[in-house]
Every structure is written in structure tokens, then in C-alpha cells.
Amino acid sequence: MEELICSVEFLRSPAEVVARVSSEAGGVREYRAPSSGAVIDQVINDLQEEFESAPAT
């Protein structure tokens, strides 16, 4: 059975890249950076911390 654990949305404006992340444990949060690589790194680090500390189901 599949279960949605998070949703990630990336948006680009002329000045920055925005990532909106939503998960049950972390709620909705937003990251901003001047480049896609920088914002992706932020998202990866946050999600890695969140799911490493989450209890196994």
C-alpha cells in the first residue's frame, strides 16, 4: 500500500527559486534561495532530518 509522506512544489521567479514542502510531521514550510541547487539542498537536508527522526511505522 502506498502512502503520501510529503509534497514538494518548486516555483521560479526572476530573482529566486522557492520550494514549498508539506508533510504531516513538519507541516507546511517554504524555502527560498537564488539558485535551484541551493533550495534543493535546503529541502533535502530538512526532509532527511525529519524522516530520520520519525518513528518507524
N, C-alpha and C. Protein backbone atom coordinates (compact mmCIF):
# COMPACT_ATOMS: atom_id res chain seq x y z
N MET A 1 0.83 -1.17 0.00
CA MET A 1 0.00 0.00 0.00
C MET A 1 0.88 1.25 0.00
N GLU A 2 0.60 2.20 -0.86
CA GLU A 2 1.35 3.44 -0.93
C GLU A 2 0.72 4.49 -0.03
N GLU A 3 1.58 5.33 0.52
CA GLU A 3 1.11 6.39 1.40
C GLU A 3 1.90 7.67 1.09
N LEU A 4 1.20 8.76 0.90
CA LEU A 4 1.85 10.04 0.64
C LEU A 4 2.49 10.53 1.94
N ILE A 5 3.82 10.74 1.90
CA ILE A 5 4.51 11.19 3.11
C ILE A 5 4.90 12.66 3.04
N CYS A 6 5.03 13.20 1.82
CA CYS A 6 5.30 14.63 1.71
C CYS A 6 4.99 15.10 0.29
N SER A 7 4.86 16.40 0.18
CA SER A 7 4.61 17.04 -1.11
C SER A 7 5.61 18.17 -1.24
N VAL A 8 6.25 18.26 -2.42
CA VAL A 8 7.24 19.31 -2.66
C VAL A 8 6.87 20.02 -3.96
N GLU A 9 6.83 21.34 -3.90
CA GLU A 9 6.50 22.16 -5.06
C GLU A 9 7.62 23.17 -5.26
N PHE A 10 8.12 23.29 -6.48
CA PHE A 10 9.17 24.26 -6.79
C PHE A 10 8.61 25.33 -7.70
N LEU A 11 8.92 26.59 -7.38
CA LEU A 11 8.48 27.73 -8.18
C LEU A 11 9.71 28.59 -8.49
N ARG A 12 9.71 29.19 -9.66
CA ARG A 12 10.84 30.05 -10.03
C ARG A 12 10.32 31.45 -10.35
N SER A 13 10.98 32.43 -9.77
CA SER A 13 10.73 33.83 -10.11
C SER A 13 12.03 34.37 -10.71
N PRO A 14 12.01 35.56 -11.24
CA PRO A 14 13.25 36.10 -11.83
C PRO A 14 14.40 36.21 -10.82
N ALA A 15 14.09 36.41 -9.54
CA ALA A 15 15.13 36.64 -8.55
C ALA A 15 15.50 35.42 -7.71
N GLU A 16 14.61 34.42 -7.62
CA GLU A 16 14.87 33.31 -6.71
C GLU A 16 14.05 32.07 -7.08
N VAL A 17 14.40 30.98 -6.42
CA VAL A 17 13.65 29.73 -6.52
C VAL A 17 13.01 29.49 -5.16
N VAL A 18 11.75 29.08 -5.16
CA VAL A 18 11.00 28.84 -3.94
C VAL A 18 10.58 27.37 -3.92
N ALA A 19 10.75 26.73 -2.77
CA ALA A 19 10.27 25.36 -2.58
C ALA A 19 9.26 25.39 -1.45
N ARG A 20 8.10 24.79 -1.69
CA ARG A 20 7.08 24.64 -0.65
C ARG A 20 6.98 23.15 -0.33
N VAL A 21 7.20 22.84 0.92
CA VAL A 21 7.20 21.45 1.37
C VAL A 21 6.08 21.28 2.38
N SER A 22 5.34 20.20 2.22
CA SER A 22 4.26 19.89 3.15
C SER A 22 4.39 18.43 3.57
N SER A 23 4.36 18.20 4.87
CA SER A 23 4.37 16.83 5.40
C SER A 23 3.56 16.81 6.68
N GLU A 24 3.14 15.64 7.05
CA GLU A 24 2.33 15.50 8.25
C GLU A 24 3.11 15.92 9.49
N ALA A 25 4.36 15.50 9.58
CA ALA A 25 5.17 15.80 10.76
C ALA A 25 5.64 17.25 10.80
N GLY A 26 6.01 17.81 9.65
CA GLY A 26 6.60 19.14 9.64
C GLY A 26 5.67 20.25 9.23
N GLY A 27 4.45 19.91 8.81
CA GLY A 27 3.53 20.93 8.35
C GLY A 27 3.97 21.52 7.02
N VAL A 28 3.56 22.74 6.76
CA VAL A 28 3.92 23.43 5.52
C VAL A 28 5.03 24.42 5.81
N ARG A 29 6.06 24.38 5.00
CA ARG A 29 7.16 25.34 5.14
C ARG A 29 7.67 25.74 3.76
N GLU A 30 8.39 26.83 3.73
CA GLU A 30 8.84 27.39 2.46
C GLU A 30 10.33 27.72 2.55
N TYR A 31 11.05 27.45 1.47
CA TYR A 31 12.48 27.74 1.39
C TYR A 31 12.71 28.62 0.17
N ARG A 32 13.64 29.56 0.30
CA ARG A 32 13.96 30.47 -0.81
C ARG A 32 15.47 30.54 -0.96
N ALA A 33 15.93 30.57 -2.20
CA ALA A 33 17.35 30.70 -2.49
C ALA A 33 17.52 31.26 -3.90
N PRO A 34 18.67 31.84 -4.18
CA PRO A 34 18.89 32.41 -5.51
C PRO A 34 19.06 31.38 -6.62
N SER A 35 19.35 30.12 -6.26
CA SER A 35 19.54 29.09 -7.28
C SER A 35 18.76 27.83 -6.92
N SER A 36 18.45 27.04 -7.94
CA SER A 36 17.70 25.81 -7.70
C SER A 36 18.51 24.84 -6.86
N GLY A 37 19.82 24.76 -7.11
CA GLY A 37 20.66 23.85 -6.33
C GLY A 37 20.65 24.17 -4.85
N ALA A 38 20.69 25.45 -4.52
CA ALA A 38 20.70 25.86 -3.12
C ALA A 38 19.38 25.53 -2.43
N VAL A 39 18.27 25.77 -3.10
CA VAL A 39 16.97 25.48 -2.47
C VAL A 39 16.75 23.97 -2.37
N ILE A 40 17.20 23.22 -3.36
CA ILE A 40 17.08 21.76 -3.29
C ILE A 40 17.90 21.21 -2.13
N ASP A 41 19.10 21.74 -1.92
CA ASP A 41 19.92 21.31 -0.77
C ASP A 41 19.20 21.56 0.54
N GLN A 42 18.54 22.71 0.67
CA GLN A 42 17.79 23.03 1.89
C GLN A 42 16.67 22.01 2.12
N VAL A 43 15.94 21.71 1.05
CA VAL A 43 14.82 20.76 1.14
C VAL A 43 15.33 19.37 1.52
N ILE A 44 16.39 18.93 0.86
CA ILE A 44 16.95 17.60 1.15
C ILE A 44 17.36 17.50 2.60
N ASN A 45 18.10 18.50 3.09
CA ASN A 45 18.56 18.46 4.49
C ASN A 45 17.40 18.42 5.47
N ASP A 46 16.39 19.23 5.23
CA ASP A 46 15.23 19.28 6.12
C ASP A 46 14.48 17.95 6.13
N LEU A 47 14.20 17.42 4.94
CA LEU A 47 13.45 16.16 4.87
C LEU A 47 14.26 14.99 5.44
N GLN A 48 15.56 15.01 5.22
CA GLN A 48 16.40 13.94 5.76
C GLN A 48 16.34 13.95 7.28
N GLU A 49 16.46 15.13 7.88
CA GLU A 49 16.35 15.23 9.34
C GLU A 49 14.97 14.78 9.83
N GLU A 50 13.93 15.22 9.12
CA GLU A 50 12.57 14.89 9.53
C GLU A 50 12.33 13.38 9.51
N PHE A 51 12.73 12.73 8.42
CA PHE A 51 12.42 11.31 8.30
C PHE A 51 13.38 10.41 9.07
N GLU A 52 14.59 10.87 9.35
CA GLU A 52 15.50 10.09 10.18
C GLU A 52 15.03 10.07 11.63
N SER A 53 14.39 11.15 12.07
CA SER A 53 13.93 11.23 13.45
C SER A 53 12.49 10.71 13.64
N ALA A 54 11.82 10.40 12.54
CA ALA A 54 10.43 9.92 12.63
C ALA A 54 10.40 8.48 13.10
N PRO A 55 9.45 8.13 13.95
CA PRO A 55 9.32 6.74 14.39
C PRO A 55 8.90 5.83 13.24
N ALA A 56 9.42 4.63 13.22
CA ALA A 56 9.06 3.66 12.17
C ALA A 56 7.62 3.21 12.36
N THR A 57 6.94 2.99 11.23
CA THR A 57 5.55 2.52 11.32
C THR A 57 5.42 1.10 10.87
